[in-house]
Protein backbone atom coordinates (compact mmCIF):
# COMPACT_ATOMS: atom_id res chain seq x y z
CA MET A 1 0.11 0.16 0.06
CA ILE A 2 3.01 2.15 1.09
CA VAL A 3 4.62 1.59 -2.36
CA THR A 4 1.36 2.63 -4.57
CA GLY A 5 1.11 5.66 -2.55
CA ILE A 6 4.36 6.35 -3.54
CA PHE A 7 3.98 5.76 -7.45
CA GLY A 8 0.48 8.23 -7.00
CA ILE A 9 2.71 10.43 -5.39
CA ILE A 10 5.36 10.16 -8.84
CA GLU A 11 2.53 10.36 -11.27
CA GLY A 12 1.09 13.72 -9.08
CA ILE A 13 4.71 16.01 -9.30
CA VAL A 14 5.85 14.26 -12.76
CA ALA A 15 1.91 16.05 -14.17
CA ILE A 16 2.17 19.28 -11.98
CA ALA A 17 5.93 19.64 -12.97
CA ASN A 18 5.60 18.70 -16.96
CA ASP A 19 1.88 18.69 -18.56
CA GLU A 20 3.31 17.03 -21.69
CA VAL A 21 3.92 13.72 -20.23
CA TYR A 22 0.64 12.67 -20.76
CA GLN A 23 -1.07 12.16 -23.46
CA ARG A 24 -4.09 14.58 -24.48
CA VAL A 25 -7.78 13.29 -24.28
CA GLY A 26 -10.57 14.39 -26.64
CA ASN A 27 -14.11 14.95 -25.24
CA TYR A 28 -14.05 13.05 -21.70
CA THR A 29 -16.04 13.57 -19.58
CA PHE A 30 -13.70 13.57 -15.83
CA LYS A 31 -11.17 16.30 -18.10
CA PHE A 32 -9.72 18.11 -15.79
CA ASP A 33 -6.37 19.98 -16.40
CA LEU A 34 -3.39 18.22 -16.13
CA THR A 35 -2.18 20.11 -12.36
CA ALA A 36 -5.17 19.73 -11.42
CA TRP A 37 -5.08 15.65 -11.93
CA GLY A 38 -1.50 16.60 -10.47
CA TRP A 39 -2.48 17.93 -7.19
CA ILE A 40 -5.54 14.75 -7.02
CA HIS A 41 -2.69 12.19 -6.83
CA LEU A 42 -0.36 14.04 -5.09
CA ILE A 43 -2.78 14.81 -2.18
CA VAL A 44 -4.55 10.92 -2.70
CA GLY A 45 -1.08 9.14 -2.60
CA ILE A 46 0.10 11.09 0.85
CA LEU A 47 -2.61 9.84 2.42
CA VAL A 48 -2.81 6.34 0.97
CA VAL A 49 1.04 6.69 2.41
CA CYS A 50 -0.07 7.50 5.27
CA ALA A 51 -2.75 4.92 5.69
CA GLY A 52 -0.42 2.59 4.89
CA ALA A 53 1.56 3.76 7.99
CA ALA A 54 -0.97 3.43 10.14
CA ILE A 55 -1.28 -0.14 9.32
CA LEU A 56 2.65 -1.61 9.61
CA LYS A 57 1.92 0.61 13.49
CA GLY A 58 -0.74 -1.71 14.11
CA TRP A 59 -3.73 0.90 14.05
CA GLU A 60 -7.23 -0.82 13.48
CA ALA A 61 -8.40 2.27 12.18
CA GLY A 62 -5.10 2.30 9.19
CA ARG A 63 -7.57 -0.85 8.29
CA TYR A 64 -10.56 1.42 7.46
CA ALA A 65 -8.38 4.50 6.55
CA GLY A 66 -6.73 2.08 4.11
CA ILE A 67 -9.81 0.43 2.04
CA ALA A 68 -11.37 3.73 2.07
CA LEU A 69 -8.47 5.17 0.36
CA THR A 70 -7.71 1.98 -1.73
CA SER A 71 -10.91 3.03 -2.99
CA LEU A 72 -10.62 6.68 -3.63
CA TYR A 73 -6.96 4.74 -5.45
CA VAL A 74 -8.56 2.93 -7.67
CA ILE A 75 -11.85 5.01 -8.56
CA LEU A 76 -8.95 7.91 -9.53
CA HIS A 77 -7.01 5.69 -11.69
CA PHE A 78 -10.79 4.74 -13.63
CA MET A 79 -11.03 8.11 -14.34
CA TRP A 80 -7.34 8.37 -15.35
CA LEU A 81 -7.56 5.68 -17.71
CA PRO A 82 -7.63 7.54 -20.77
CA TYR A 83 -4.20 9.25 -19.78
CA GLN A 84 -2.15 6.63 -18.66
CA PRO A 85 -4.45 3.23 -19.62
CA LEU A 86 -1.83 0.31 -19.10
CA TRP A 87 -0.69 1.56 -15.82
CA SER A 88 -4.20 2.56 -14.83
CA ILE A 89 -5.43 -0.96 -15.05
CA ILE A 90 -2.01 -2.17 -13.48
CA ALA A 91 -2.83 -0.15 -10.38
CA ILE A 92 -6.32 -0.64 -10.64
CA ALA A 93 -5.69 -4.63 -10.80
CA ILE A 94 -3.28 -3.72 -6.74
CA GLY A 95 -5.64 -1.53 -5.49
CA VAL A 96 -8.34 -4.26 -5.68
CA PHE A 97 -6.07 -6.60 -4.18
CA VAL A 98 -5.24 -4.37 -1.66
CA ILE A 99 -8.30 -4.37 -0.04
CA TRP A 100 -9.62 -7.76 -0.60
CA ALA A 101 -6.12 -8.62 1.42
CA LEU A 102 -7.25 -5.87 4.19
CA CYS A 103 -10.76 -6.92 4.74
CA THR A 104 -9.52 -10.52 4.44
CA ASP A 105 -6.98 -10.08 7.29
CA VAL A 106 -7.61 -11.48 10.58
CA PRO A 107 -7.06 -9.66 13.58
CA ARG A 108 -4.40 -10.87 15.53
CA THR A 109 -5.13 -11.05 19.55
CA ALA A 110 -2.80 -9.34 22.41
CA LYS A 111 0.11 -12.17 23.71
CA PRO A 112 0.21 -12.08 27.21
């Protein structure tokens, strides 16, 4: 989860710094300026990294935040499909796997 968040941060920085890296889209329903998309990716990436760190620390709320933020990450990459089709499909698959892993994790009991 932390790695996918870092990828989101990198995507955001690249989109903010250089609009010409990503392909231009014709008429697309969710067409924003690439700088706006960059900021969205950057913010969501930072939040996903924070949720991943909370999960590694063992915080129960981190799991729920991780599920919610990874779901947002998947939706974001679905809307990002016209800009980076192959990477978006890979990111969606990774996100679905992370959501599955977080939902099926068995809580550990405290050892005496």
